[in-house]
Amino acid sequence: MGHQDADLWTCPECGQKFATENLWHSCGSFTLEALFAGVQPQVWRTYQAFERMAREVADFHVIPQKTRVSFQLRTRCSGGSPMKSYFRASFVLRNVTITPRIDKIQSFAPDQHVHYVRLANPEEVDEDIRALLLASTEYGEQQGRHG
């Protein structure tokens, strides 16, 4: 099982959990149904396959937000955003990882790199995606953190 969240701070307004007390966030109660309203049916099915695989990899908290869904261990480390015709999966990794599946990388810190993969159908949720989800758990569990 791995992660322990007893020491996480819980927002008294919305109940979201964070590794840092009083971390800025958007309080709100959002649903997956609202997030996926208006997308093509295969986008929802693709997300469902993605979430199933994520739950096989780790005990993620699934947090629907206004424009995305986040998967959290101690910190948010993967998830994605539904687009009209595809699901844009995201993975926070400690190191930049280049593979043909990754179509964009945003670096926010020396050990915080968000990798994006476009998933058009459930069949694309494969072993490459499992490997990225597994790699994101290092960031999510705050392992290998320096300083």
C-alpha atoms as a PDB file:
ATOM      1  CA  MET A   1       0.000   0.000   0.000  1.00  0.00           C
ATOM      2  CA  GLY A   2       2.830   2.387   0.755  1.00  0.00           C
ATOM      3  CA  HIS A   3       1.695   5.921   1.384  1.00  0.00           C
ATOM      4  CA  GLN A   4       0.587   7.299   4.672  1.00  0.00           C
ATOM      5  CA  ASP A   5      -1.548  10.427   4.667  1.00  0.00           C
ATOM      6  CA  ALA A   6      -2.126  10.852   8.396  1.00  0.00           C
ATOM      7  CA  ASP A   7       0.382  13.716   8.422  1.00  0.00           C
ATOM      8  CA  LEU A   8      -1.206  15.524   5.473  1.00  0.00           C
ATOM      9  CA  TRP A   9      -3.001  18.812   6.052  1.00  0.00           C
ATOM     10  CA  THR A  10      -6.721  18.683   5.237  1.00  0.00           C
ATOM     11  CA  CYS A  11      -8.462  21.846   4.053  1.00  0.00           C
ATOM     12  CA  PRO A  12     -11.347  22.528   6.452  1.00  0.00           C
ATOM     13  CA  GLU A  13     -13.403  24.031   3.589  1.00  0.00           C
ATOM     14  CA  CYS A  14     -13.245  21.325   0.913  1.00  0.00           C
ATOM     15  CA  GLY A  15     -11.522  18.342   2.532  1.00  0.00           C
ATOM     16  CA  GLN A  16      -8.649  18.127   0.033  1.00  0.00           C
ATOM     17  CA  LYS A  17      -5.357  16.813   1.462  1.00  0.00           C
ATOM     18  CA  PHE A  18      -1.932  18.425   0.974  1.00  0.00           C
ATOM     19  CA  ALA A  19       1.633  17.804   2.111  1.00  0.00           C
ATOM     20  CA  THR A  20       1.923  21.505   3.021  1.00  0.00           C
ATOM     21  CA  GLU A  21      -0.413  23.298   5.434  1.00  0.00           C
ATOM     22  CA  ASN A  22      -2.560  26.088   3.963  1.00  0.00           C
ATOM     23  CA  LEU A  23      -1.338  25.369   0.412  1.00  0.00           C
ATOM     24  CA  TRP A  24      -3.177  27.530  -2.132  1.00  0.00           C
ATOM     25  CA  HIS A  25      -5.785  25.570  -4.074  1.00  0.00           C
ATOM     26  CA  SER A  26      -9.214  25.965  -5.600  1.00  0.00           C
ATOM     27  CA  CYS A  27     -11.743  24.928  -3.007  1.00  0.00           C
ATOM     28  CA  GLY A  28     -14.735  23.362  -4.573  1.00  0.00           C
ATOM     29  CA  SER A  29     -16.739  20.249  -5.027  1.00  0.00           C
ATOM     30  CA  PHE A  30     -16.278  18.927  -8.541  1.00  0.00           C
ATOM     31  CA  THR A  31     -17.392  15.669 -10.146  1.00  0.00           C
ATOM     32  CA  LEU A  32     -16.011  13.477 -12.894  1.00  0.00           C
ATOM     33  CA  GLU A  33     -19.432  13.637 -14.565  1.00  0.00           C
ATOM     34  CA  ALA A  34     -19.240  17.422 -14.850  1.00  0.00           C
ATOM     35  CA  LEU A  35     -15.600  17.310 -15.948  1.00  0.00           C
ATOM     36  CA  PHE A  36     -16.356  14.871 -18.784  1.00  0.00           C
ATOM     37  CA  ALA A  37     -19.648  16.457 -19.888  1.00  0.00           C
ATOM     38  CA  GLY A  38     -19.563  17.313 -23.580  1.00  0.00           C
ATOM     39  CA  VAL A  39     -16.630  15.111 -24.597  1.00  0.00           C
ATOM     40  CA  GLN A  40     -16.824  12.310 -27.145  1.00  0.00           C
ATOM     41  CA  PRO A  41     -17.762   8.940 -25.558  1.00  0.00           C
ATOM     42  CA  GLN A  42     -14.344   7.349 -26.136  1.00  0.00           C
ATOM     43  CA  VAL A  43     -12.739  10.095 -24.004  1.00  0.00           C
ATOM     44  CA  TRP A  44     -14.696   8.911 -20.942  1.00  0.00           C
ATOM     45  CA  ARG A  45     -13.865   5.256 -21.728  1.00  0.00           C
ATOM     46  CA  THR A  46     -10.197   6.172 -22.161  1.00  0.00           C
ATOM     47  CA  TYR A  47     -10.184   7.945 -18.803  1.00  0.00           C
ATOM     48  CA  GLN A  48     -11.858   4.942 -17.140  1.00  0.00           C
ATOM     49  CA  ALA A  49      -9.105   2.644 -18.483  1.00  0.00           C
ATOM     50  CA  PHE A  50      -6.480   5.152 -17.279  1.00  0.00           C
ATOM     51  CA  GLU A  51      -7.960   5.346 -13.770  1.00  0.00           C
ATOM     52  CA  ARG A  52      -8.263   1.536 -13.543  1.00  0.00           C
ATOM     53  CA  MET A  53      -4.601   1.171 -14.443  1.00  0.00           C
ATOM     54  CA  ALA A  54      -3.580   3.925 -12.002  1.00  0.00           C
ATOM     55  CA  ARG A  55      -5.395   2.136  -9.169  1.00  0.00           C
ATOM     56  CA  GLU A  56      -3.500  -1.070 -10.032  1.00  0.00           C
ATOM     57  CA  VAL A  57      -0.207   0.847  -9.757  1.00  0.00           C
ATOM     58  CA  ALA A  58      -0.829   2.712  -6.465  1.00  0.00           C
ATOM     59  CA  ASP A  59      -3.469   3.706  -3.931  1.00  0.00           C
ATOM     60  CA  PHE A  60      -4.182   7.083  -5.530  1.00  0.00           C
ATOM     61  CA  HIS A  61      -6.714   9.579  -4.216  1.00  0.00           C
ATOM     62  CA  VAL A  62      -8.706  10.630  -7.313  1.00  0.00           C
ATOM     63  CA  ILE A  63      -9.517  14.342  -7.160  1.00  0.00           C
ATOM     64  CA  PRO A  64     -11.878  15.798  -9.790  1.00  0.00           C
ATOM     65  CA  GLN A  65     -11.196  19.486 -10.371  1.00  0.00           C
ATOM     66  CA  LYS A  66     -12.739  22.131 -12.602  1.00  0.00           C
ATOM     67  CA  THR A  67     -10.618  21.405 -15.696  1.00  0.00           C
ATOM     68  CA  ARG A  68      -8.671  18.251 -14.807  1.00  0.00           C
ATOM     69  CA  VAL A  69      -8.510  15.229 -12.574  1.00  0.00           C
ATOM     70  CA  SER A  70      -5.549  14.738 -10.256  1.00  0.00           C
ATOM     71  CA  PHE A  71      -4.210  11.518  -8.811  1.00  0.00           C
ATOM     72  CA  GLN A  72      -2.549  12.074  -5.441  1.00  0.00           C
ATOM     73  CA  LEU A  73      -0.397  10.015  -3.107  1.00  0.00           C
ATOM     74  CA  ARG A  74       1.279  12.427  -0.659  1.00  0.00           C
ATOM     75  CA  THR A  75       1.322  14.976  -3.490  1.00  0.00           C
ATOM     76  CA  ARG A  76      -0.474  15.167  -6.823  1.00  0.00           C
ATOM     77  CA  CYS A  77       1.642  13.323  -9.325  1.00  0.00           C
ATOM     78  CA  SER A  78      -0.499  12.268 -12.280  1.00  0.00           C
ATOM     79  CA  GLY A  79      -3.910  12.721 -13.828  1.00  0.00           C
ATOM     80  CA  GLY A  80      -5.041  14.615 -16.861  1.00  0.00           C
ATOM     81  CA  SER A  81      -7.555  16.756 -18.694  1.00  0.00           C
ATOM     82  CA  PRO A  82     -10.389  15.698 -20.956  1.00  0.00           C
ATOM     83  CA  MET A  83     -10.387  17.343 -24.374  1.00  0.00           C
ATOM     84  CA  LYS A  84     -13.250  17.040 -26.855  1.00  0.00           C
ATOM     85  CA  SER A  85     -11.763  14.012 -28.660  1.00  0.00           C
ATOM     86  CA  TYR A  86      -8.958  12.707 -26.391  1.00  0.00           C
ATOM     87  CA  PHE A  87      -7.696  12.516 -22.813  1.00  0.00           C
ATOM     88  CA  ARG A  88      -4.479  14.423 -22.114  1.00  0.00           C
ATOM     89  CA  ALA A  89      -2.717  12.379 -19.435  1.00  0.00           C
ATOM     90  CA  SER A  90      -0.067  13.999 -17.264  1.00  0.00           C
ATOM     91  CA  PHE A  91       2.697  12.562 -15.105  1.00  0.00           C
ATOM     92  CA  VAL A  92       5.020  14.435 -12.722  1.00  0.00           C
ATOM     93  CA  LEU A  93       8.477  12.865 -12.837  1.00  0.00           C
ATOM     94  CA  ARG A  94      11.713  13.691 -11.003  1.00  0.00           C
ATOM     95  CA  ASN A  95      13.717  13.560 -14.252  1.00  0.00           C
ATOM     96  CA  VAL A  96      12.967  14.459 -17.855  1.00  0.00           C
ATOM     97  CA  THR A  97      12.046  11.272 -19.685  1.00  0.00           C
ATOM     98  CA  ILE A  98      11.969  11.225 -23.475  1.00  0.00           C
ATOM     99  CA  THR A  99       9.837   8.580 -25.180  1.00  0.00           C
ATOM    100  CA  PRO A 100       7.854   8.651 -28.438  1.00  0.00           C
ATOM    101  CA  ARG A 101       4.587   8.731 -26.449  1.00  0.00           C
ATOM    102  CA  ILE A 102       5.356  12.024 -24.666  1.00  0.00           C
ATOM    103  CA  ASP A 103       4.235  15.033 -26.682  1.00  0.00           C
ATOM    104  CA  LYS A 104       5.111  17.827 -24.237  1.00  0.00           C
ATOM    105  CA  ILE A 105       7.190  18.372 -21.100  1.00  0.00           C
ATOM    106  CA  GLN A 106       6.945  21.338 -18.723  1.00  0.00           C
ATOM    107  CA  SER A 107       9.682  21.766 -16.119  1.00  0.00           C
ATOM    108  CA  PHE A 108       8.807  23.636 -12.925  1.00  0.00           C
ATOM    109  CA  ALA A 109      11.819  22.769 -10.751  1.00  0.00           C
ATOM    110  CA  PRO A 110      15.011  20.710 -11.112  1.00  0.00           C
ATOM    111  CA  ASP A 111      13.084  17.655  -9.873  1.00  0.00           C
ATOM    112  CA  GLN A 112       9.557  18.471 -11.119  1.00  0.00           C
ATOM    113  CA  HIS A 113       8.824  17.759 -14.778  1.00  0.00           C
ATOM    114  CA  VAL A 114       5.266  17.288 -16.053  1.00  0.00           C
ATOM    115  CA  HIS A 115       5.081  14.910 -19.016  1.00  0.00           C
ATOM    116  CA  TYR A 116       1.965  14.881 -21.234  1.00  0.00           C
ATOM    117  CA  VAL A 117       0.631  12.032 -23.375  1.00  0.00           C
ATOM    118  CA  ARG A 118      -2.373  12.244 -25.702  1.00  0.00           C
ATOM    119  CA  LEU A 119      -4.655   9.208 -25.297  1.00  0.00           C
ATOM    120  CA  ALA A 120      -7.302   8.892 -28.017  1.00  0.00           C
ATOM    121  CA  ASN A 121      -8.826   5.538 -27.021  1.00  0.00           C
ATOM    122  CA  PRO A 122      -8.717   2.958 -24.209  1.00  0.00           C
ATOM    123  CA  GLU A 123      -6.346   0.693 -26.160  1.00  0.00           C
ATOM    124  CA  GLU A 124      -3.659   3.366 -25.848  1.00  0.00           C
ATOM    125  CA  VAL A 125      -3.649   2.892 -22.053  1.00  0.00           C
ATOM    126  CA  ASP A 126      -0.878   0.318 -22.262  1.00  0.00           C
ATOM    127  CA  GLU A 127       2.372  -0.762 -20.618  1.00  0.00           C
ATOM    128  CA  ASP A 128       4.048   2.554 -21.578  1.00  0.00           C
ATOM    129  CA  ILE A 129       1.359   4.383 -19.595  1.00  0.00           C
ATOM    130  CA  ARG A 130       1.732   1.931 -16.683  1.00  0.00           C
ATOM    131  CA  ALA A 131       5.484   2.698 -16.620  1.00  0.00           C
ATOM    132  CA  LEU A 132       4.806   6.460 -16.523  1.00  0.00           C
ATOM    133  CA  LEU A 133       2.236   6.038 -13.736  1.00  0.00           C
ATOM    134  CA  LEU A 134       4.710   3.947 -11.765  1.00  0.00           C
ATOM    135  CA  ALA A 135       7.476   6.523 -12.319  1.00  0.00           C
ATOM    136  CA  SER A 136       5.127   9.292 -11.098  1.00  0.00           C
ATOM    137  CA  THR A 137       4.715   7.535  -7.742  1.00  0.00           C
ATOM    138  CA  GLU A 138       8.294   8.473  -6.810  1.00  0.00           C
ATOM    139  CA  TYR A 139       7.273  12.133  -7.005  1.00  0.00           C
ATOM    140  CA  GLY A 140       3.874  11.458  -5.439  1.00  0.00           C
ATOM    141  CA  GLU A 141       5.363   9.676  -2.443  1.00  0.00           C
ATOM    142  CA  GLN A 142       8.039  12.404  -2.182  1.00  0.00           C
ATOM    143  CA  GLN A 143      10.784   9.808  -2.561  1.00  0.00           C
ATOM    144  CA  GLY A 144      14.239  10.838  -3.674  1.00  0.00           C
ATOM    145  CA  ARG A 145      13.590  14.386  -2.534  1.00  0.00           C
ATOM    146  CA  HIS A 146      16.703  16.398  -1.804  1.00  0.00           C
ATOM    147  CA  GLY A 147      16.920  19.165   0.775  1.00  0.00           C
END
